[in-house]
C-alpha cells in the first residue's frame, strides 16, 4: 500500500515538474502500446490530424502454449479528442474498437467497443503515459458460446498506455 502511494505521489511530482509542450500537435506522431477494446495490449501509432484530434491504428499478437498453442491476433483503432490541454496533462475523450481473432482448435472472433475519458501525463517532452475510464460493450465468441457483456472499466494500470512522441 505504501509503495503504491509513493508511486502515485512520485508520478504526480514528475507531472507537475515536467516541461513537456503539448500544443501544436497537428502532424505529430507517437509510437506506443495500449489495450484496445479491452483486449491484450497492442502496439499503436498515434497520428495527430489537428491540435485536438488524433487517430490510432493498432495491432498486437499473443501466443500461448499450455496443452495446445493458442494464437491471438488483436487489431483495432482509437479516435482521441482533446478536451483541455495544459503543459503537462491533456484531458481527452476517446472511443475505440478492438477485434481479437483467436486460433486454436477453431477460429473465434471477439469484438470490444469502448467510450472513455482520461488524462495523458507527459513525463518528458517526448514521453507520456495515459489511463482511461469508461463504458464498454464486448461481443464474445469464446469457447463457441456467444456472449455479450456491457459494463464499466478502468483502473490505473488496467488501461495504462505509454507513448513516445517524435
C-alpha atoms as a PDB file:
ATOM      1  CA  UNK A   1       0.000   0.000   0.000  1.00  0.00           C
ATOM      2  CA  UNK A   2       2.788   2.415   0.939  1.00  0.00           C
ATOM      3  CA  UNK A   3       4.652   1.636  -2.283  1.00  0.00           C
ATOM      4  CA  UNK A   4       1.514   2.388  -4.311  1.00  0.00           C
ATOM      5  CA  UNK A   5       1.045   5.745  -2.600  1.00  0.00           C
ATOM      6  CA  UNK A   6       4.719   6.615  -3.089  1.00  0.00           C
ATOM      7  CA  UNK A   7       4.480   5.675  -6.784  1.00  0.00           C
ATOM      8  CA  UNK A   8       1.389   7.829  -7.326  1.00  0.00           C
ATOM      9  CA  UNK A   9       2.912  10.813  -5.492  1.00  0.00           C
ATOM     10  CA  UNK A  10       6.138  10.412  -7.482  1.00  0.00           C
ATOM     11  CA  UNK A  11       4.232  10.390 -10.770  1.00  0.00           C
ATOM     12  CA  UNK A  12       2.297  13.499  -9.750  1.00  0.00           C
ATOM     13  CA  UNK A  13       5.547  15.304  -8.856  1.00  0.00           C
ATOM     14  CA  UNK A  14       7.071  14.295 -12.193  1.00  0.00           C
ATOM     15  CA  UNK A  15       3.942  15.501 -13.974  1.00  0.00           C
ATOM     16  CA  UNK A  16       3.991  18.886 -12.286  1.00  0.00           C
ATOM     17  CA  UNK A  17       7.704  19.413 -12.903  1.00  0.00           C
ATOM     18  CA  UNK A  18       7.900  18.062 -16.453  1.00  0.00           C
ATOM     19  CA  UNK A  19       8.442  20.614 -19.185  1.00  0.00           C
ATOM     20  CA  UNK A  20       6.502  18.977 -21.995  1.00  0.00           C
ATOM     21  CA  UNK A  21       4.954  21.121 -24.691  1.00  0.00           C
ATOM     22  CA  UNK A  22       1.636  19.696 -25.798  1.00  0.00           C
ATOM     23  CA  UNK A  23       0.455  22.490 -28.057  1.00  0.00           C
ATOM     24  CA  UNK A  24       0.781  22.431 -31.840  1.00  0.00           C
ATOM     25  CA  UNK A  25       0.267  18.685 -32.116  1.00  0.00           C
ATOM     26  CA  UNK A  26      -1.034  18.642 -35.688  1.00  0.00           C
ATOM     27  CA  UNK A  27       1.207  16.333 -37.673  1.00  0.00           C
ATOM     28  CA  UNK A  28       2.921  14.791 -34.626  1.00  0.00           C
ATOM     29  CA  UNK A  29       3.302  11.032 -34.420  1.00  0.00           C
ATOM     30  CA  UNK A  30       3.721   8.844 -31.345  1.00  0.00           C
ATOM     31  CA  UNK A  31       4.617   5.173 -31.079  1.00  0.00           C
ATOM     32  CA  UNK A  32       3.316   3.263 -28.078  1.00  0.00           C
ATOM     33  CA  UNK A  33       1.240   0.450 -26.715  1.00  0.00           C
ATOM     34  CA  UNK A  34      -2.116   0.133 -25.017  1.00  0.00           C
ATOM     35  CA  UNK A  35      -5.162  -2.072 -24.741  1.00  0.00           C
ATOM     36  CA  UNK A  36      -7.790  -1.535 -27.431  1.00  0.00           C
ATOM     37  CA  UNK A  37     -11.301  -2.798 -26.917  1.00  0.00           C
ATOM     38  CA  UNK A  38     -10.229  -4.232 -23.567  1.00  0.00           C
ATOM     39  CA  UNK A  39      -8.069  -6.953 -25.131  1.00  0.00           C
ATOM     40  CA  UNK A  40      -4.336  -7.559 -24.529  1.00  0.00           C
ATOM     41  CA  UNK A  41      -2.047  -4.602 -25.288  1.00  0.00           C
ATOM     42  CA  UNK A  42      -1.190  -3.793 -28.850  1.00  0.00           C
ATOM     43  CA  UNK A  43       1.463  -1.634 -30.484  1.00  0.00           C
ATOM     44  CA  UNK A  44      -0.099   1.559 -31.797  1.00  0.00           C
ATOM     45  CA  UNK A  45       0.750   4.606 -33.853  1.00  0.00           C
ATOM     46  CA  UNK A  46      -0.944   7.830 -32.701  1.00  0.00           C
ATOM     47  CA  UNK A  47      -1.301  10.321 -35.553  1.00  0.00           C
ATOM     48  CA  UNK A  48      -2.461  13.852 -34.722  1.00  0.00           C
ATOM     49  CA  UNK A  49      -4.672  15.158 -37.527  1.00  0.00           C
ATOM     50  CA  UNK A  50      -5.154  18.519 -35.775  1.00  0.00           C
ATOM     51  CA  UNK A  51      -4.299  20.046 -32.392  1.00  0.00           C
ATOM     52  CA  UNK A  52      -7.341  18.284 -30.894  1.00  0.00           C
ATOM     53  CA  UNK A  53      -7.997  15.164 -32.988  1.00  0.00           C
ATOM     54  CA  UNK A  54      -5.882  12.004 -33.298  1.00  0.00           C
ATOM     55  CA  UNK A  55      -6.359   8.541 -34.794  1.00  0.00           C
ATOM     56  CA  UNK A  56      -4.578   5.487 -33.536  1.00  0.00           C
ATOM     57  CA  UNK A  57      -4.380   2.217 -35.517  1.00  0.00           C
ATOM     58  CA  UNK A  58      -3.005  -0.734 -33.538  1.00  0.00           C
ATOM     59  CA  UNK A  59      -2.004  -4.380 -33.860  1.00  0.00           C
ATOM     60  CA  UNK A  60      -0.931  -6.995 -31.325  1.00  0.00           C
ATOM     61  CA  UNK A  61      -0.075 -10.674 -31.238  1.00  0.00           C
ATOM     62  CA  UNK A  62      -0.039 -13.102 -28.313  1.00  0.00           C
ATOM     63  CA  UNK A  63       0.916 -16.757 -28.496  1.00  0.00           C
ATOM     64  CA  UNK A  64       0.469 -19.081 -25.525  1.00  0.00           C
ATOM     65  CA  UNK A  65       1.247 -22.746 -25.232  1.00  0.00           C
ATOM     66  CA  UNK A  66      -0.320 -24.717 -22.393  1.00  0.00           C
ATOM     67  CA  UNK A  67      -1.726 -28.011 -23.634  1.00  0.00           C
ATOM     68  CA  UNK A  68      -2.178 -26.564 -27.115  1.00  0.00           C
ATOM     69  CA  UNK A  69      -0.912 -23.500 -28.915  1.00  0.00           C
ATOM     70  CA  UNK A  70      -3.337 -20.560 -28.878  1.00  0.00           C
ATOM     71  CA  UNK A  71      -2.671 -17.556 -31.105  1.00  0.00           C
ATOM     72  CA  UNK A  72      -4.465 -14.234 -30.607  1.00  0.00           C
ATOM     73  CA  UNK A  73      -4.290 -11.512 -33.227  1.00  0.00           C
ATOM     74  CA  UNK A  74      -5.549  -8.178 -31.878  1.00  0.00           C
ATOM     75  CA  UNK A  75      -6.345  -5.370 -34.312  1.00  0.00           C
ATOM     76  CA  UNK A  76      -8.197  -2.147 -33.757  1.00  0.00           C
ATOM     77  CA  UNK A  77      -8.130   1.573 -33.600  1.00  0.00           C
ATOM     78  CA  UNK A  78      -8.929   4.575 -31.464  1.00  0.00           C
ATOM     79  CA  UNK A  79     -10.125   8.114 -32.081  1.00  0.00           C
ATOM     80  CA  UNK A  80      -8.976  10.634 -29.482  1.00  0.00           C
ATOM     81  CA  UNK A  81     -10.332  14.166 -28.958  1.00  0.00           C
ATOM     82  CA  UNK A  82      -8.558  16.556 -26.576  1.00  0.00           C
ATOM     83  CA  UNK A  83     -10.932  18.489 -24.321  1.00  0.00           C
ATOM     84  CA  UNK A  84      -8.307  20.517 -22.484  1.00  0.00           C
ATOM     85  CA  UNK A  85      -4.558  20.753 -22.755  1.00  0.00           C
ATOM     86  CA  UNK A  86      -2.038  22.054 -20.224  1.00  0.00           C
ATOM     87  CA  UNK A  87       1.735  21.947 -20.330  1.00  0.00           C
ATOM     88  CA  UNK A  88       1.935  18.585 -18.543  1.00  0.00           C
ATOM     89  CA  UNK A  89      -1.504  16.981 -18.984  1.00  0.00           C
ATOM     90  CA  UNK A  90      -4.034  16.517 -21.780  1.00  0.00           C
ATOM     91  CA  UNK A  91      -7.620  15.566 -20.936  1.00  0.00           C
ATOM     92  CA  UNK A  92      -9.412  13.667 -23.659  1.00  0.00           C
ATOM     93  CA  UNK A  93     -12.490  11.795 -24.809  1.00  0.00           C
ATOM     94  CA  UNK A  94     -11.891   8.680 -26.862  1.00  0.00           C
ATOM     95  CA  UNK A  95     -13.582   5.745 -28.489  1.00  0.00           C
ATOM     96  CA  UNK A  96     -12.018   2.537 -29.656  1.00  0.00           C
ATOM     97  CA  UNK A  97     -12.746  -0.784 -31.248  1.00  0.00           C
ATOM     98  CA  UNK A  98     -10.700  -3.902 -30.710  1.00  0.00           C
ATOM     99  CA  UNK A  99     -11.044  -7.186 -32.538  1.00  0.00           C
ATOM    100  CA  UNK A 100      -9.403 -10.328 -31.180  1.00  0.00           C
ATOM    101  CA  UNK A 101      -9.106 -13.290 -33.520  1.00  0.00           C
ATOM    102  CA  UNK A 102      -8.193 -16.421 -31.599  1.00  0.00           C
ATOM    103  CA  UNK A 103      -6.927 -19.511 -33.387  1.00  0.00           C
ATOM    104  CA  UNK A 104      -6.624 -22.804 -31.550  1.00  0.00           C
ATOM    105  CA  UNK A 105      -8.794 -25.829 -32.397  1.00  0.00           C
ATOM    106  CA  UNK A 106     -11.177 -23.428 -34.141  1.00  0.00           C
ATOM    107  CA  UNK A 107     -11.146 -19.736 -35.010  1.00  0.00           C
ATOM    108  CA  UNK A 108     -13.068 -17.438 -32.638  1.00  0.00           C
ATOM    109  CA  UNK A 109     -13.642 -13.701 -33.003  1.00  0.00           C
ATOM    110  CA  UNK A 110     -14.327 -11.291 -30.117  1.00  0.00           C
ATOM    111  CA  UNK A 111     -15.144  -7.580 -30.513  1.00  0.00           C
ATOM    112  CA  UNK A 112     -14.896  -4.782 -27.953  1.00  0.00           C
ATOM    113  CA  UNK A 113     -16.297  -1.249 -28.334  1.00  0.00           C
ATOM    114  CA  UNK A 114     -15.495   1.367 -25.684  1.00  0.00           C
ATOM    115  CA  UNK A 115     -16.080   5.051 -24.932  1.00  0.00           C
ATOM    116  CA  UNK A 116     -13.787   6.657 -22.377  1.00  0.00           C
ATOM    117  CA  UNK A 117     -12.350   9.753 -20.770  1.00  0.00           C
ATOM    118  CA  UNK A 118      -8.911  10.168 -19.235  1.00  0.00           C
ATOM    119  CA  UNK A 119      -5.692  12.094 -18.829  1.00  0.00           C
ATOM    120  CA  UNK A 120      -2.410  11.782 -20.707  1.00  0.00           C
ATOM    121  CA  UNK A 121       0.507  12.779 -18.452  1.00  0.00           C
ATOM    122  CA  UNK A 122       3.738  13.990 -20.034  1.00  0.00           C
ATOM    123  CA  UNK A 123       6.751  12.811 -18.059  1.00  0.00           C
ATOM    124  CA  UNK A 124       9.147  14.461 -20.506  1.00  0.00           C
ATOM    125  CA  UNK A 125       8.693  16.395 -23.756  1.00  0.00           C
ATOM    126  CA  UNK A 126       8.502  13.167 -25.782  1.00  0.00           C
ATOM    127  CA  UNK A 127       7.238  10.597 -23.246  1.00  0.00           C
ATOM    128  CA  UNK A 128       3.706  10.201 -21.901  1.00  0.00           C
ATOM    129  CA  UNK A 129       1.504   7.742 -20.099  1.00  0.00           C
ATOM    130  CA  UNK A 130      -2.248   7.656 -20.155  1.00  0.00           C
ATOM    131  CA  UNK A 131      -5.042   5.857 -18.362  1.00  0.00           C
ATOM    132  CA  UNK A 132      -8.762   5.767 -19.111  1.00  0.00           C
ATOM    133  CA  UNK A 133     -12.132   5.020 -17.520  1.00  0.00           C
ATOM    134  CA  UNK A 134     -15.387   4.494 -19.354  1.00  0.00           C
ATOM    135  CA  UNK A 135     -18.032   2.094 -20.581  1.00  0.00           C
ATOM    136  CA  UNK A 136     -17.732  -0.782 -22.984  1.00  0.00           C
ATOM    137  CA  UNK A 137     -19.630  -3.375 -24.956  1.00  0.00           C
ATOM    138  CA  UNK A 138     -17.968  -6.734 -25.577  1.00  0.00           C
ATOM    139  CA  UNK A 139     -19.245  -9.360 -28.016  1.00  0.00           C
ATOM    140  CA  UNK A 140     -17.610 -12.723 -27.310  1.00  0.00           C
ATOM    141  CA  UNK A 141     -17.481 -15.904 -29.334  1.00  0.00           C
ATOM    142  CA  UNK A 142     -15.264 -17.583 -26.723  1.00  0.00           C
ATOM    143  CA  UNK A 143     -15.381 -21.357 -26.420  1.00  0.00           C
ATOM    144  CA  UNK A 144     -18.136 -21.427 -29.021  1.00  0.00           C
ATOM    145  CA  UNK A 145     -20.575 -19.680 -26.641  1.00  0.00           C
ATOM    146  CA  UNK A 146     -21.956 -16.382 -27.897  1.00  0.00           C
ATOM    147  CA  UNK A 147     -21.955 -13.854 -25.056  1.00  0.00           C
ATOM    148  CA  UNK A 148     -22.458 -10.099 -24.794  1.00  0.00           C
ATOM    149  CA  UNK A 149     -21.161  -8.008 -21.873  1.00  0.00           C
ATOM    150  CA  UNK A 150     -21.748  -4.349 -21.086  1.00  0.00           C
ATOM    151  CA  UNK A 151     -20.080  -2.519 -18.231  1.00  0.00           C
ATOM    152  CA  UNK A 152     -17.641  -0.007 -16.905  1.00  0.00           C
ATOM    153  CA  UNK A 153     -13.871  -0.324 -16.916  1.00  0.00           C
ATOM    154  CA  UNK A 154     -10.826   1.492 -15.702  1.00  0.00           C
ATOM    155  CA  UNK A 155      -8.140   1.438 -13.130  1.00  0.00           C
ATOM    156  CA  UNK A 156      -4.695   2.970 -13.051  1.00  0.00           C
ATOM    157  CA  UNK A 157      -2.849   0.031 -14.583  1.00  0.00           C
ATOM    158  CA  UNK A 158      -5.622  -1.911 -16.347  1.00  0.00           C
ATOM    159  CA  UNK A 159      -5.829   0.580 -19.198  1.00  0.00           C
ATOM    160  CA  UNK A 160      -2.345   2.072 -18.987  1.00  0.00           C
ATOM    161  CA  UNK A 161      -0.755   3.309 -22.207  1.00  0.00           C
ATOM    162  CA  UNK A 162       2.762   4.561 -22.917  1.00  0.00           C
ATOM    163  CA  UNK A 163       3.710   6.728 -25.915  1.00  0.00           C
ATOM    164  CA  UNK A 164       6.909   8.192 -27.289  1.00  0.00           C
ATOM    165  CA  UNK A 165       6.398  11.291 -29.435  1.00  0.00           C
ATOM    166  CA  UNK A 166       8.669  12.009 -32.395  1.00  0.00           C
END
